[in-house]
Amino acid sequence: MPVVTLKFMPNVLESKAYALACIGAHFQWAVARACSFKDDEGEHTLESSDVDFVPYEYQLGSIAAMLSIEIETYGFAGRKKKLNKTAMLALKADLMTAIQPHLTKGIDFNEEDRCLWMKYVDPDGEHI
C-alpha cells in the first residue's frame, strides 16, 4: 500500500501536532484517490486507511528543501498509466493546498520549493 512521507524543516508548520493531523488526513484521502485505478482485472480502489502517512522533521541546520513529499507505492501498470504528468501536477497542487493554511506566517513556497516525488517499487527495483 502507498506510504506518503512529508519531510519538513522545524520552523515550517504552525501548531505542529494539529497541522500534521489535518495534513495527514488529507494526504491519505488524496493519495488513496490518486492511486486507485481500473484495469482489465477490475477496479482497484484504495481507502484512506490503506495509505500510511509518515511525517519526518529535519534537524535544525539540515541542508534540504523546506518541505518535500514522497509517495512510495507498488508500480502497477494501471497506476503508472493513471499517474501521468498532468495527474501528478494536480495531486501536487491538491497536497500543497492542504498544507498552505498550516504554514508559519511569513513562509511561502514558490514552484521550485514544492517537491513531490513518486517512487514505484517494482520487482526489478525502485523507479522514481
C-alpha atoms as a PDB file:
ATOM      1  CA  MET A   1       0.000   0.000   0.000  1.00  0.00           C
ATOM      2  CA  PRO A   2       1.160   3.584  -0.550  1.00  0.00           C
ATOM      3  CA  VAL A   3       3.300   5.389   2.007  1.00  0.00           C
ATOM      4  CA  VAL A   4       3.340   9.207   1.982  1.00  0.00           C
ATOM      5  CA  THR A   5       6.314  10.842   3.690  1.00  0.00           C
ATOM      6  CA  LEU A   6       6.167  14.556   4.431  1.00  0.00           C
ATOM      7  CA  LYS A   7       9.658  15.912   5.098  1.00  0.00           C
ATOM      8  CA  PHE A   8       9.834  19.418   6.517  1.00  0.00           C
ATOM      9  CA  MET A   9      12.059  21.900   8.326  1.00  0.00           C
ATOM     10  CA  PRO A  10      11.263  22.563  12.018  1.00  0.00           C
ATOM     11  CA  ASN A  11      10.029  26.140  11.515  1.00  0.00           C
ATOM     12  CA  VAL A  12       7.666  25.461   8.596  1.00  0.00           C
ATOM     13  CA  LEU A  13       4.456  24.367  10.344  1.00  0.00           C
ATOM     14  CA  GLU A  14       2.492  26.287  12.947  1.00  0.00           C
ATOM     15  CA  SER A  15       0.740  24.259  15.689  1.00  0.00           C
ATOM     16  CA  LYS A  16       2.658  21.215  14.511  1.00  0.00           C
ATOM     17  CA  ALA A  17       0.563  18.411  16.071  1.00  0.00           C
ATOM     18  CA  TYR A  18      -2.726  19.867  14.817  1.00  0.00           C
ATOM     19  CA  ALA A  19      -1.229  20.697  11.410  1.00  0.00           C
ATOM     20  CA  LEU A  20       0.135  17.184  10.943  1.00  0.00           C
ATOM     21  CA  ALA A  21      -3.204  15.619  11.899  1.00  0.00           C
ATOM     22  CA  CYS A  22      -5.059  17.751   9.341  1.00  0.00           C
ATOM     23  CA  ILE A  23      -2.424  17.389   6.626  1.00  0.00           C
ATOM     24  CA  GLY A  24      -2.091  13.645   7.199  1.00  0.00           C
ATOM     25  CA  ALA A  25      -5.831  13.025   6.892  1.00  0.00           C
ATOM     26  CA  HIS A  26      -5.996  14.979   3.639  1.00  0.00           C
ATOM     27  CA  PHE A  27      -2.865  13.339   2.214  1.00  0.00           C
ATOM     28  CA  GLN A  28      -4.227   9.857   2.959  1.00  0.00           C
ATOM     29  CA  TRP A  29      -7.512  10.664   1.232  1.00  0.00           C
ATOM     30  CA  ALA A  30      -5.910  12.372  -1.795  1.00  0.00           C
ATOM     31  CA  VAL A  31      -3.276   9.674  -2.358  1.00  0.00           C
ATOM     32  CA  ALA A  32      -5.850   6.873  -1.981  1.00  0.00           C
ATOM     33  CA  ARG A  33      -7.975   8.560  -4.635  1.00  0.00           C
ATOM     34  CA  ALA A  34      -4.982   9.174  -6.918  1.00  0.00           C
ATOM     35  CA  CYS A  35      -3.566   5.639  -6.596  1.00  0.00           C
ATOM     36  CA  SER A  36      -6.885   3.861  -7.203  1.00  0.00           C
ATOM     37  CA  PHE A  37      -7.258   2.598 -10.761  1.00  0.00           C
ATOM     38  CA  LYS A  38      -9.175   0.321 -13.135  1.00  0.00           C
ATOM     39  CA  ASP A  39      -7.643  -2.259 -15.425  1.00  0.00           C
ATOM     40  CA  ASP A  40      -8.631  -5.487 -17.193  1.00  0.00           C
ATOM     41  CA  GLU A  41      -8.773  -7.278 -13.846  1.00  0.00           C
ATOM     42  CA  GLY A  42     -11.264  -4.821 -12.369  1.00  0.00           C
ATOM     43  CA  GLU A  43     -11.348  -1.812 -10.104  1.00  0.00           C
ATOM     44  CA  HIS A  44      -8.583  -1.352  -7.531  1.00  0.00           C
ATOM     45  CA  THR A  45      -9.938   1.151  -5.025  1.00  0.00           C
ATOM     46  CA  LEU A  46      -7.930   2.309  -2.034  1.00  0.00           C
ATOM     47  CA  GLU A  47      -9.364   3.794   1.140  1.00  0.00           C
ATOM     48  CA  SER A  48      -7.659   6.441   3.275  1.00  0.00           C
ATOM     49  CA  SER A  49      -6.794   3.738   5.798  1.00  0.00           C
ATOM     50  CA  ASP A  50      -4.777   1.944   3.086  1.00  0.00           C
ATOM     51  CA  VAL A  51      -2.314   4.857   2.918  1.00  0.00           C
ATOM     52  CA  ASP A  52       0.348   5.379   5.599  1.00  0.00           C
ATOM     53  CA  PHE A  53       1.298   8.964   6.470  1.00  0.00           C
ATOM     54  CA  VAL A  54       4.811   9.472   7.847  1.00  0.00           C
ATOM     55  CA  PRO A  55       5.836  12.989   8.929  1.00  0.00           C
ATOM     56  CA  TYR A  56       9.597  13.492   9.126  1.00  0.00           C
ATOM     57  CA  GLU A  57      11.019  16.647  10.674  1.00  0.00           C
ATOM     58  CA  TYR A  58      14.556  17.540   9.667  1.00  0.00           C
ATOM     59  CA  GLN A  59      17.064  18.528  12.346  1.00  0.00           C
ATOM     60  CA  LEU A  60      17.904  22.223  12.679  1.00  0.00           C
ATOM     61  CA  GLY A  61      20.740  23.090  10.341  1.00  0.00           C
ATOM     62  CA  SER A  62      19.911  20.412   7.766  1.00  0.00           C
ATOM     63  CA  ILE A  63      20.537  21.292   4.151  1.00  0.00           C
ATOM     64  CA  ALA A  64      17.335  20.199   2.450  1.00  0.00           C
ATOM     65  CA  ALA A  65      14.186  21.552   0.851  1.00  0.00           C
ATOM     66  CA  MET A  66      11.897  23.397   3.263  1.00  0.00           C
ATOM     67  CA  LEU A  67       9.253  20.816   2.505  1.00  0.00           C
ATOM     68  CA  SER A  68       9.016  17.763   0.266  1.00  0.00           C
ATOM     69  CA  ILE A  69       6.561  14.939  -0.251  1.00  0.00           C
ATOM     70  CA  GLU A  70       7.462  11.397  -1.266  1.00  0.00           C
ATOM     71  CA  ILE A  71       4.902   8.781  -2.252  1.00  0.00           C
ATOM     72  CA  GLU A  72       6.120   5.185  -2.381  1.00  0.00           C
ATOM     73  CA  THR A  73       3.850   2.540  -3.878  1.00  0.00           C
ATOM     74  CA  TYR A  74       3.779  -0.595  -5.984  1.00  0.00           C
ATOM     75  CA  GLY A  75       4.157   0.189  -9.679  1.00  0.00           C
ATOM     76  CA  PHE A  76       1.063  -1.465 -11.104  1.00  0.00           C
ATOM     77  CA  ALA A  77       0.724  -0.709 -14.820  1.00  0.00           C
ATOM     78  CA  GLY A  78      -2.738   0.833 -14.341  1.00  0.00           C
ATOM     79  CA  ARG A  79      -1.478   3.076 -11.563  1.00  0.00           C
ATOM     80  CA  LYS A  80       1.529   4.233 -13.585  1.00  0.00           C
ATOM     81  CA  LYS A  81      -0.702   4.961 -16.571  1.00  0.00           C
ATOM     82  CA  LYS A  82      -3.156   6.966 -14.450  1.00  0.00           C
ATOM     83  CA  LEU A  83      -0.466   8.984 -12.640  1.00  0.00           C
ATOM     84  CA  ASN A  84       0.904  10.785 -15.680  1.00  0.00           C
ATOM     85  CA  LYS A  85       2.470  14.251 -15.560  1.00  0.00           C
ATOM     86  CA  THR A  86      -0.895  16.033 -15.600  1.00  0.00           C
ATOM     87  CA  ALA A  87      -2.267  13.892 -12.753  1.00  0.00           C
ATOM     88  CA  MET A  88       0.907  14.386 -10.706  1.00  0.00           C
ATOM     89  CA  LEU A  89       0.770  18.172 -11.120  1.00  0.00           C
ATOM     90  CA  ALA A  90      -2.888  18.138  -9.991  1.00  0.00           C
ATOM     91  CA  LEU A  91      -2.008  15.940  -6.990  1.00  0.00           C
ATOM     92  CA  LYS A  92       0.888  18.238  -6.082  1.00  0.00           C
ATOM     93  CA  ALA A  93      -1.413  21.288  -6.200  1.00  0.00           C
ATOM     94  CA  ASP A  94      -4.015  19.492  -4.057  1.00  0.00           C
ATOM     95  CA  LEU A  95      -1.452  18.455  -1.428  1.00  0.00           C
ATOM     96  CA  MET A  96       0.101  21.926  -1.279  1.00  0.00           C
ATOM     97  CA  THR A  97      -3.363  23.470  -0.844  1.00  0.00           C
ATOM     98  CA  ALA A  98      -3.825  21.240   2.226  1.00  0.00           C
ATOM     99  CA  ILE A  99      -0.501  22.435   3.671  1.00  0.00           C
ATOM    100  CA  GLN A 100      -0.942  26.162   2.985  1.00  0.00           C
ATOM    101  CA  PRO A 101      -3.205  27.035   5.975  1.00  0.00           C
ATOM    102  CA  HIS A 102      -0.738  25.407   8.392  1.00  0.00           C
ATOM    103  CA  LEU A 103       2.414  27.241   7.309  1.00  0.00           C
ATOM    104  CA  THR A 104       4.152  29.525   9.767  1.00  0.00           C
ATOM    105  CA  LYS A 105       3.331  33.147   8.979  1.00  0.00           C
ATOM    106  CA  GLY A 106       5.794  34.639   6.546  1.00  0.00           C
ATOM    107  CA  ILE A 107       6.682  31.315   4.908  1.00  0.00           C
ATOM    108  CA  ASP A 108       5.540  30.770   1.356  1.00  0.00           C
ATOM    109  CA  PHE A 109       6.737  28.423  -1.354  1.00  0.00           C
ATOM    110  CA  ASN A 110       7.337  29.091  -4.996  1.00  0.00           C
ATOM    111  CA  GLU A 111       7.025  26.291  -7.557  1.00  0.00           C
ATOM    112  CA  GLU A 112      10.685  25.257  -7.216  1.00  0.00           C
ATOM    113  CA  ASP A 113      10.230  24.713  -3.468  1.00  0.00           C
ATOM    114  CA  ARG A 114       7.314  22.329  -3.930  1.00  0.00           C
ATOM    115  CA  CYS A 115       8.870  18.906  -4.269  1.00  0.00           C
ATOM    116  CA  LEU A 116       6.709  15.846  -4.935  1.00  0.00           C
ATOM    117  CA  TRP A 117       8.368  12.502  -5.656  1.00  0.00           C
ATOM    118  CA  MET A 118       6.641   9.335  -6.769  1.00  0.00           C
ATOM    119  CA  LYS A 119       8.653   6.181  -6.129  1.00  0.00           C
ATOM    120  CA  TYR A 120       7.382   2.921  -7.597  1.00  0.00           C
ATOM    121  CA  VAL A 121       8.578  -0.333  -6.068  1.00  0.00           C
ATOM    122  CA  ASP A 122       8.670  -2.953  -8.823  1.00  0.00           C
ATOM    123  CA  PRO A 123      10.060  -6.493  -8.984  1.00  0.00           C
ATOM    124  CA  ASP A 124      13.066  -5.126 -10.935  1.00  0.00           C
ATOM    125  CA  GLY A 125      13.789  -2.417  -8.348  1.00  0.00           C
ATOM    126  CA  GLU A 126      12.713   1.115  -7.474  1.00  0.00           C
ATOM    127  CA  HIS A 127      11.761   3.714 -10.086  1.00  0.00           C
ATOM    128  CA  ILE A 128      11.464   7.441  -9.372  1.00  0.00           C
END
